[in-house]
C-alpha atoms as a PDB file:
ATOM      1  CA  MET A   1     -36.724 -35.804 -29.783  1.00  0.00           C
ATOM      2  CA  SER A   2     -34.359 -37.035 -27.730  1.00  0.00           C
ATOM      3  CA  GLU A   3     -31.159 -35.210 -26.651  1.00  0.00           C
ATOM      4  CA  THR A   4     -28.371 -37.587 -26.959  1.00  0.00           C
ATOM      5  CA  ARG A   5     -27.944 -39.734 -30.106  1.00  0.00           C
ATOM      6  CA  SER A   6     -27.786 -43.373 -30.157  1.00  0.00           C
ATOM      7  CA  ALA A   7     -24.053 -45.159 -30.672  1.00  0.00           C
ATOM      8  CA  PRO A   8     -23.604 -46.872 -34.298  1.00  0.00           C
ATOM      9  CA  LEU A   9     -24.931 -50.387 -34.064  1.00  0.00           C
ATOM     10  CA  HIS A  10     -21.633 -51.615 -36.976  1.00  0.00           C
ATOM     11  CA  CYS A  11     -18.194 -50.667 -38.441  1.00  0.00           C
ATOM     12  CA  PRO A  12     -19.384 -48.888 -41.344  1.00  0.00           C
ATOM     13  CA  TYR A  13     -15.416 -50.429 -42.675  1.00  0.00           C
ATOM     14  CA  CYS A  14     -16.013 -53.835 -41.755  1.00  0.00           C
ATOM     15  CA  GLY A  15     -19.408 -54.579 -40.229  1.00  0.00           C
ATOM     16  CA  GLU A  16     -18.614 -55.760 -37.058  1.00  0.00           C
ATOM     17  CA  GLU A  17     -20.138 -54.643 -33.362  1.00  0.00           C
ATOM     18  CA  ASP A  18     -16.994 -54.508 -31.422  1.00  0.00           C
ATOM     19  CA  LEU A  19     -16.940 -50.492 -30.973  1.00  0.00           C
ATOM     20  CA  ARG A  20     -16.208 -48.145 -28.252  1.00  0.00           C
ATOM     21  CA  PRO A  21     -15.721 -44.609 -27.726  1.00  0.00           C
ATOM     22  CA  ASN A  22     -12.815 -42.983 -29.271  1.00  0.00           C
ATOM     23  CA  GLU A  23     -11.329 -40.382 -27.345  1.00  0.00           C
ATOM     24  CA  ALA A  24     -10.436 -37.765 -30.363  1.00  0.00           C
ATOM     25  CA  GLY A  25     -13.927 -36.238 -29.824  1.00  0.00           C
ATOM     26  CA  HIS A  26     -17.569 -36.296 -29.930  1.00  0.00           C
ATOM     27  CA  GLY A  27     -18.933 -38.509 -32.404  1.00  0.00           C
ATOM     28  CA  ALA A  28     -15.438 -40.532 -32.415  1.00  0.00           C
ATOM     29  CA  TRP A  29     -15.916 -44.586 -32.906  1.00  0.00           C
ATOM     30  CA  GLU A  30     -13.308 -46.812 -32.755  1.00  0.00           C
ATOM     31  CA  CYS A  31     -12.888 -50.530 -33.712  1.00  0.00           C
ATOM     32  CA  HIS A  32     -12.177 -53.461 -32.377  1.00  0.00           C
ATOM     33  CA  ALA A  33     -12.172 -55.668 -34.739  1.00  0.00           C
ATOM     34  CA  CYS A  34     -10.311 -53.332 -37.926  1.00  0.00           C
ATOM     35  CA  ALA A  35      -8.612 -51.368 -35.836  1.00  0.00           C
ATOM     36  CA  ARG A  36      -9.559 -48.161 -37.254  1.00  0.00           C
ATOM     37  CA  VAL A  37     -11.123 -45.004 -36.367  1.00  0.00           C
ATOM     38  CA  PHE A  38     -14.207 -42.963 -37.503  1.00  0.00           C
ATOM     39  CA  THR A  39     -16.586 -40.231 -36.795  1.00  0.00           C
ATOM     40  CA  VAL A  40     -20.422 -39.851 -37.211  1.00  0.00           C
ATOM     41  CA  LYS A  41     -21.254 -36.657 -38.095  1.00  0.00           C
ATOM     42  CA  PHE A  42     -24.958 -35.349 -38.347  1.00  0.00           C
ATOM     43  CA  ASN A  43     -25.023 -32.741 -42.065  1.00  0.00           C
ATOM     44  CA  GLY A  44     -28.469 -31.993 -41.760  1.00  0.00           C
ATOM     45  CA  LEU A  45     -31.405 -31.928 -43.472  1.00  0.00           C
ATOM     46  CA  LEU A  46     -32.439 -32.691 -46.998  1.00  0.00           C
ATOM     47  CA  SER A  47     -34.880 -29.060 -48.245  1.00  0.00           C
ATOM     48  CA  ARG A  48     -37.437 -31.295 -49.717  1.00  0.00           C
ATOM     49  CA  ALA A  49     -39.036 -35.315 -49.490  1.00  0.00           C
ATOM     50  CA  VAL A  50     -37.129 -37.866 -51.281  1.00  0.00           C
ATOM     51  CA  ALA A  51     -39.281 -39.343 -53.662  1.00  0.00           C
ATOM     52  CA  ARG A  52     -38.986 -43.334 -52.935  1.00  0.00           C
END
């Protein structure tokens, strides 16, 4: 498993790919298309498998 996290590929609000890290802290990204700042956070794993 990798020590680093992968960057988001698109903005969750507008879908554009013009993202850059934000100064707000770890996991914060800014979208230069819609001018939003958002964070990406890992919350954990499910205790059981999800049925498909």
